[in-house]
Amino acid sequence: MRIARPILLVTTPIGVLFGLREAHRLAGPRMALLMALMVAVVGAFLWMTVRRVRAEAAAGRAVTRDAGGDPPR
């Protein structure tokens, strides 16, 4: 995973940009705009999911800290 993660972090945005360019080339600017909108919606849902998981983890840590116990592993 040490090598795979940086490669994925670099190649995924490049692939998305290439896909947007191809959508514009093959189907016109409206399809590229529609594809960009779809990517933005998926990104927003991903951001909301990460935000909720982090908030729930912080709440769980606060409850554990207030109870005086060790955090679960």
C-alpha atoms as a PDB file:
ATOM      1  CA  MET A   1       0.000   0.000   0.000  1.00  0.00           C
ATOM      2  CA  ARG A   2       2.997   2.322   0.411  1.00  0.00           C
ATOM      3  CA  ILE A   3       3.434   2.618  -3.343  1.00  0.00           C
ATOM      4  CA  ALA A   4      -0.174   2.143  -4.469  1.00  0.00           C
ATOM      5  CA  ARG A   5      -1.669   5.053  -2.527  1.00  0.00           C
ATOM      6  CA  PRO A   6       0.516   7.816  -4.056  1.00  0.00           C
ATOM      7  CA  ILE A   7       0.073   6.336  -7.520  1.00  0.00           C
ATOM      8  CA  LEU A   8      -3.715   6.339  -7.110  1.00  0.00           C
ATOM      9  CA  LEU A   9      -3.692   9.883  -5.721  1.00  0.00           C
ATOM     10  CA  VAL A  10      -1.865  11.071  -8.830  1.00  0.00           C
ATOM     11  CA  THR A  11      -3.465   8.986 -11.575  1.00  0.00           C
ATOM     12  CA  THR A  12      -7.117   9.339 -10.530  1.00  0.00           C
ATOM     13  CA  PRO A  13      -7.367  13.134 -11.093  1.00  0.00           C
ATOM     14  CA  ILE A  14      -5.431  12.753 -14.344  1.00  0.00           C
ATOM     15  CA  GLY A  15      -7.916  10.093 -15.477  1.00  0.00           C
ATOM     16  CA  VAL A  16     -10.884  12.275 -14.545  1.00  0.00           C
ATOM     17  CA  LEU A  17      -9.456  15.211 -16.490  1.00  0.00           C
ATOM     18  CA  PHE A  18      -8.779  12.946 -19.473  1.00  0.00           C
ATOM     19  CA  GLY A  19     -12.377  11.685 -19.281  1.00  0.00           C
ATOM     20  CA  LEU A  20     -13.740  15.237 -19.221  1.00  0.00           C
ATOM     21  CA  ARG A  21     -11.616  16.112 -22.252  1.00  0.00           C
ATOM     22  CA  GLU A  22     -12.819  13.040 -24.132  1.00  0.00           C
ATOM     23  CA  ALA A  23     -16.449  13.773 -23.252  1.00  0.00           C
ATOM     24  CA  HIS A  24     -16.014  17.274 -24.675  1.00  0.00           C
ATOM     25  CA  ARG A  25     -14.297  15.952 -27.788  1.00  0.00           C
ATOM     26  CA  LEU A  26     -16.771  13.151 -28.510  1.00  0.00           C
ATOM     27  CA  ALA A  27     -20.121  14.512 -27.321  1.00  0.00           C
ATOM     28  CA  GLY A  28     -19.680  18.256 -27.048  1.00  0.00           C
ATOM     29  CA  PRO A  29     -19.444  20.774 -24.247  1.00  0.00           C
ATOM     30  CA  ARG A  30     -22.846  19.917 -22.746  1.00  0.00           C
ATOM     31  CA  MET A  31     -21.774  16.326 -22.087  1.00  0.00           C
ATOM     32  CA  ALA A  32     -18.493  17.503 -20.553  1.00  0.00           C
ATOM     33  CA  LEU A  33     -20.461  19.861 -18.305  1.00  0.00           C
ATOM     34  CA  LEU A  34     -22.856  17.065 -17.340  1.00  0.00           C
ATOM     35  CA  MET A  35     -19.944  14.767 -16.534  1.00  0.00           C
ATOM     36  CA  ALA A  36     -18.246  17.489 -14.458  1.00  0.00           C
ATOM     37  CA  LEU A  37     -21.503  18.015 -12.567  1.00  0.00           C
ATOM     38  CA  MET A  38     -21.727  14.282 -11.878  1.00  0.00           C
ATOM     39  CA  VAL A  39     -18.151  14.237 -10.561  1.00  0.00           C
ATOM     40  CA  ALA A  40     -18.946  17.227  -8.339  1.00  0.00           C
ATOM     41  CA  VAL A  41     -22.053  15.524  -6.897  1.00  0.00           C
ATOM     42  CA  VAL A  42     -20.132  12.315  -6.178  1.00  0.00           C
ATOM     43  CA  GLY A  43     -17.369  14.386  -4.568  1.00  0.00           C
ATOM     44  CA  ALA A  44     -19.888  16.231  -2.406  1.00  0.00           C
ATOM     45  CA  PHE A  45     -21.428  12.968  -1.192  1.00  0.00           C
ATOM     46  CA  LEU A  46     -17.976  11.591  -0.440  1.00  0.00           C
ATOM     47  CA  TRP A  47     -17.085  14.747   1.505  1.00  0.00           C
ATOM     48  CA  MET A  48     -20.340  14.528   3.499  1.00  0.00           C
ATOM     49  CA  THR A  49     -19.662  10.870   4.322  1.00  0.00           C
ATOM     50  CA  VAL A  50     -16.128  11.580   5.525  1.00  0.00           C
ATOM     51  CA  ARG A  51     -17.375  14.520   7.585  1.00  0.00           C
ATOM     52  CA  ARG A  52     -20.049  12.366   9.250  1.00  0.00           C
ATOM     53  CA  VAL A  53     -17.607   9.540  10.030  1.00  0.00           C
ATOM     54  CA  ARG A  54     -15.142  11.991  11.563  1.00  0.00           C
ATOM     55  CA  ALA A  55     -17.885  13.623  13.655  1.00  0.00           C
ATOM     56  CA  GLU A  56     -19.119  10.263  14.923  1.00  0.00           C
ATOM     57  CA  ALA A  57     -15.565   9.190  15.768  1.00  0.00           C
ATOM     58  CA  ALA A  58     -14.975  12.442  17.665  1.00  0.00           C
ATOM     59  CA  ALA A  59     -18.251  11.974  19.570  1.00  0.00           C
ATOM     60  CA  GLY A  60     -17.250   8.429  20.448  1.00  0.00           C
ATOM     61  CA  ARG A  61     -13.871   9.603  21.715  1.00  0.00           C
ATOM     62  CA  ALA A  62     -15.539  12.323  23.798  1.00  0.00           C
ATOM     63  CA  VAL A  63     -17.909   9.818  25.415  1.00  0.00           C
ATOM     64  CA  THR A  64     -15.018   7.465  26.169  1.00  0.00           C
ATOM     65  CA  ARG A  65     -12.923  10.304  27.559  1.00  0.00           C
ATOM     66  CA  ASP A  66     -15.790  11.528  29.781  1.00  0.00           C
ATOM     67  CA  ALA A  67     -16.392   7.988  31.049  1.00  0.00           C
ATOM     68  CA  GLY A  68     -12.734   7.701  32.016  1.00  0.00           C
ATOM     69  CA  GLY A  69     -12.164   4.459  30.149  1.00  0.00           C
ATOM     70  CA  ASP A  70      -9.605   3.445  27.617  1.00  0.00           C
ATOM     71  CA  PRO A  71     -10.542   4.132  23.995  1.00  0.00           C
ATOM     72  CA  PRO A  72     -11.685   1.064  22.048  1.00  0.00           C
ATOM     73  CA  ARG A  73      -9.218  -0.436  19.606  1.00  0.00           C
END
